[in-house]
Amino acid sequence: MSRIETVEQLRSHYKAVSPRAAQKVLSKLDAHCRRFIGLSPFVMLATSSRDGALDVTPRGDLPGFVQVEDETTLILPDRPGNNRLDSLTNILENPGIGLIFLIPGVDETLRINGTAEIRVDEDLRRASAVEGKLPTSVLRISVREAYLHCAKAFMRSRLWDPEAQVERSVLPTLGQMLKDQIGLAEAESQEAMLARFQHAMY
């Protein structure tokens, strides 16, 4: 087995990057980036602790839930979750983050890299309120890089293709999987879990 250990070795195994791909990275959010974010109901947030421990978490809400404050600043509300606070703890140690925005039915994605700070300002939280319920905190994100990513991964995976969708029944319920993994006395039913989630969305 041959292991790649240098950038030179790596580059020798791949074609040269195209001029378009090399030049596409923006330092500010243009109109296309803003429009993409406004239509996106789902973003993946990547963080890392100071010692390099990684975490990627999904964040989702109605389209436009991530607000564009200006051409280099985003506001991402922290909705109720499991309170592990993995991402937020990482940000306290290392503010560097990565985001990938998705729009259902669109095969391209928007990637953003930058830094984040955790804010609990009343006005920022109130601007992200839903049904009068404020997020516990928001991330104020400073954009360093923004660029569109091509459709190849989505075309290969057929992610949005209805004919490629699988039935939920191909896997055990989350409750059953957690019971098996951590030795719970009994599995919470899918119906009970979804009902509990429905009452704790905001």
Protein backbone atom coordinates (compact mmCIF):
# COMPACT_ATOMS: atom_id res chain seq x y z
CA MET A 1 0.00 0.00 0.00
CA SER A 2 1.37 3.41 -0.96
CA ARG A 3 0.71 6.26 1.41
CA ILE A 4 0.64 9.87 0.25
CA GLU A 5 2.71 12.00 2.63
CA THR A 6 3.50 15.23 0.78
CA VAL A 7 1.57 17.80 -1.21
CA GLU A 8 3.85 17.10 -4.16
CA GLN A 9 2.96 13.40 -4.09
CA LEU A 10 -0.72 14.26 -3.77
CA ARG A 11 -0.69 16.67 -6.69
CA SER A 12 1.11 14.16 -8.87
CA HIS A 13 -1.87 11.78 -8.57
CA TYR A 14 -4.49 14.36 -9.59
CA LYS A 15 -5.11 16.59 -12.55
CA ALA A 16 -4.32 20.28 -12.22
CA VAL A 17 -7.07 22.40 -10.70
CA SER A 18 -9.08 24.28 -13.30
CA PRO A 19 -8.75 28.08 -13.43
CA ARG A 20 -12.45 28.45 -12.65
CA ALA A 21 -12.21 26.28 -9.53
CA ALA A 22 -9.07 28.07 -8.40
CA GLN A 23 -10.63 31.51 -8.81
CA LYS A 24 -14.13 30.92 -7.45
CA VAL A 25 -13.44 31.66 -3.78
CA LEU A 26 -14.94 34.97 -2.64
CA SER A 27 -14.01 36.96 0.45
CA LYS A 28 -17.49 38.49 0.71
CA LEU A 29 -21.07 37.35 0.18
CA ASP A 30 -22.33 38.48 -3.20
CA ALA A 31 -25.95 38.54 -4.36
CA HIS A 32 -25.85 34.87 -5.39
CA CYS A 33 -24.52 33.76 -2.00
CA ARG A 34 -27.14 35.82 -0.19
CA ARG A 35 -29.90 34.36 -2.35
CA PHE A 36 -28.63 30.83 -1.73
CA ILE A 37 -28.57 31.35 2.04
CA GLY A 38 -32.05 32.88 1.95
CA LEU A 39 -33.43 29.77 0.23
CA SER A 40 -31.59 27.26 2.40
CA PRO A 41 -33.42 25.46 5.24
CA PHE A 42 -30.43 23.28 6.15
CA VAL A 43 -26.75 23.86 6.90
CA MET A 44 -23.98 21.64 8.22
CA LEU A 45 -21.67 23.24 10.78
CA ALA A 46 -18.11 21.95 11.20
CA THR A 47 -16.02 22.87 14.24
CA SER A 48 -12.80 21.72 15.89
CA SER A 49 -11.48 21.89 19.44
CA ARG A 50 -8.06 23.31 20.23
CA ASP A 51 -6.57 19.80 20.17
CA GLY A 52 -8.13 18.93 16.82
CA ALA A 53 -11.20 16.94 17.90
CA LEU A 54 -13.74 17.44 15.11
CA ASP A 55 -17.51 17.78 15.06
CA VAL A 56 -20.05 18.26 12.28
CA THR A 57 -23.66 18.97 13.20
CA PRO A 58 -26.81 19.59 11.14
CA ARG A 59 -28.77 22.80 11.68
CA GLY A 60 -32.15 23.30 10.10
CA ASP A 61 -35.23 25.52 10.13
CA LEU A 62 -37.40 27.35 7.62
CA PRO A 63 -35.56 28.88 4.63
CA GLY A 64 -33.72 32.04 5.62
CA PHE A 65 -33.22 31.03 9.25
CA VAL A 66 -29.54 31.90 8.82
CA GLN A 67 -29.58 35.68 8.53
CA VAL A 68 -27.19 37.75 6.43
CA GLU A 69 -26.24 40.72 8.59
CA ASP A 70 -23.89 42.18 5.98
CA GLU A 71 -21.54 41.01 3.24
CA THR A 72 -19.16 39.36 5.72
CA THR A 73 -21.42 38.47 8.65
CA LEU A 74 -24.02 35.76 9.28
CA ILE A 75 -26.28 35.05 12.26
CA LEU A 76 -27.04 31.39 13.00
CA PRO A 77 -29.55 30.74 15.83
CA ASP A 78 -29.01 27.81 18.18
CA ARG A 79 -32.34 25.99 18.42
CA PRO A 80 -33.11 23.45 21.18
CA GLY A 81 -31.08 20.25 20.85
CA ASN A 82 -29.55 17.61 23.07
CA ASN A 83 -27.50 20.12 25.11
CA ARG A 84 -24.21 18.29 24.53
CA LEU A 85 -22.96 21.66 23.23
CA ASP A 86 -20.16 20.01 21.24
CA SER A 87 -20.05 22.71 18.55
CA LEU A 88 -20.33 25.61 20.96
CA THR A 89 -17.64 24.22 23.25
CA ASN A 90 -15.35 23.79 20.26
CA ILE A 91 -15.96 27.38 19.17
CA LEU A 92 -14.92 28.65 22.60
CA GLU A 93 -11.61 26.82 22.14
CA ASN A 94 -11.18 27.38 18.39
CA PRO A 95 -13.39 29.89 16.55
CA GLY A 96 -12.68 28.48 13.09
CA ILE A 97 -15.76 26.96 11.42
CA GLY A 98 -17.01 25.60 8.11
CA LEU A 99 -20.55 25.67 6.74
CA ILE A 100 -22.24 23.85 3.86
CA PHE A 101 -25.67 25.17 2.84
CA LEU A 102 -28.16 22.90 1.05
CA ILE A 103 -31.40 23.69 -0.78
CA PRO A 104 -33.79 20.75 -1.35
CA GLY A 105 -33.87 19.90 -5.04
CA VAL A 106 -30.74 21.90 -5.88
CA ASP A 107 -27.60 19.87 -6.59
CA GLU A 108 -25.14 22.69 -5.95
CA THR A 109 -24.09 23.72 -2.44
CA LEU A 110 -22.65 26.86 -0.89
CA ARG A 111 -19.56 26.50 1.26
CA ILE A 112 -18.46 29.12 3.76
CA ASN A 113 -15.38 29.20 5.98
CA GLY A 114 -14.73 31.71 8.71
CA THR A 115 -14.83 32.28 12.44
CA ALA A 116 -17.68 32.35 14.93
CA GLU A 117 -18.46 33.84 18.30
CA ILE A 118 -21.29 32.88 20.64
CA ARG A 119 -23.64 35.78 21.38
CA VAL A 120 -26.53 36.09 23.81
CA ASP A 121 -27.48 39.69 22.97
CA GLU A 122 -31.21 40.20 23.42
CA ASP A 123 -31.62 41.95 20.07
CA LEU A 124 -29.81 39.23 18.12
CA ARG A 125 -31.78 36.48 19.82
CA ARG A 126 -35.07 38.32 19.36
CA ALA A 127 -34.39 38.74 15.63
CA SER A 128 -34.27 34.92 15.38
CA ALA A 129 -37.35 34.26 17.52
CA VAL A 130 -39.99 31.80 16.30
CA GLU A 131 -43.50 31.88 17.77
CA GLY A 132 -42.16 34.24 20.44
CA LYS A 133 -39.48 31.77 21.51
CA LEU A 134 -35.92 33.06 21.46
CA PRO A 135 -32.88 30.87 20.76
CA THR A 136 -30.67 30.38 23.79
CA SER A 137 -27.78 31.87 21.84
CA VAL A 138 -26.75 32.73 18.29
CA LEU A 139 -23.51 32.34 16.39
CA ARG A 140 -22.21 35.53 14.84
CA ILE A 141 -20.10 34.31 11.95
CA SER A 142 -17.39 36.32 10.20
CA VAL A 143 -17.06 35.11 6.61
CA ARG A 144 -13.52 34.53 5.33
CA GLU A 145 -14.29 32.42 2.26
CA ALA A 146 -17.49 31.73 0.32
CA TYR A 147 -17.82 29.62 -2.79
CA LEU A 148 -20.25 27.45 -4.69
CA HIS A 149 -19.64 23.70 -4.99
CA CYS A 150 -20.56 21.78 -8.12
CA ALA A 151 -23.34 19.19 -8.46
CA LYS A 152 -21.26 16.04 -8.98
CA ALA A 153 -21.71 14.54 -5.49
CA PHE A 154 -25.47 15.04 -5.64
CA MET A 155 -25.68 13.66 -9.15
CA ARG A 156 -23.74 10.55 -8.15
CA SER A 157 -25.71 10.01 -4.94
CA ARG A 158 -29.10 10.94 -6.48
CA LEU A 159 -29.85 12.58 -3.16
CA TRP A 160 -32.97 14.44 -4.27
CA ASP A 161 -34.20 11.77 -6.72
CA PRO A 162 -37.54 10.39 -5.42
CA GLU A 163 -36.75 7.02 -6.96
CA ALA A 164 -33.56 6.79 -4.88
CA GLN A 165 -35.32 7.38 -1.55
CA VAL A 166 -35.43 4.46 0.88
CA GLU A 167 -38.17 3.47 3.30
CA ARG A 168 -37.53 4.46 6.93
CA SER A 169 -38.16 0.82 7.83
CA VAL A 170 -34.79 -0.26 6.36
CA LEU A 171 -33.31 0.75 9.73
CA PRO A 172 -34.48 0.13 13.28
CA THR A 173 -36.00 3.14 15.02
CA LEU A 174 -33.60 5.58 16.65
CA GLY A 175 -34.95 4.47 20.01
CA GLN A 176 -34.08 0.85 19.26
CA MET A 177 -30.61 1.69 17.99
CA LEU A 178 -29.87 3.75 21.11
CA LYS A 179 -31.16 0.94 23.31
CA ASP A 180 -28.76 -1.47 21.61
CA GLN A 181 -25.83 0.93 21.68
CA ILE A 182 -25.96 2.22 25.25
CA GLY A 183 -27.97 -0.45 27.05
CA LEU A 184 -31.23 1.37 27.74
CA ALA A 185 -33.85 -0.65 29.60
CA GLU A 186 -36.39 -0.17 26.83
CA ALA A 187 -36.60 1.53 23.46
CA GLU A 188 -38.59 4.72 23.09
CA SER A 189 -41.09 4.26 20.27
CA GLN A 190 -40.69 6.28 17.09
CA GLU A 191 -44.10 7.84 17.64
CA ALA A 192 -43.27 8.92 21.19
CA MET A 193 -39.90 10.31 20.15
CA LEU A 194 -41.30 12.34 17.26
CA ALA A 195 -44.09 13.69 19.47
CA ARG A 196 -41.50 14.74 22.05
CA PHE A 197 -39.42 16.45 19.38
CA GLN A 198 -42.49 18.22 17.99
CA HIS A 199 -43.10 19.87 21.36
CA ALA A 200 -39.47 21.00 21.70
CA MET A 201 -38.71 22.49 18.29
CA TYR A 202 -38.20 26.02 19.60
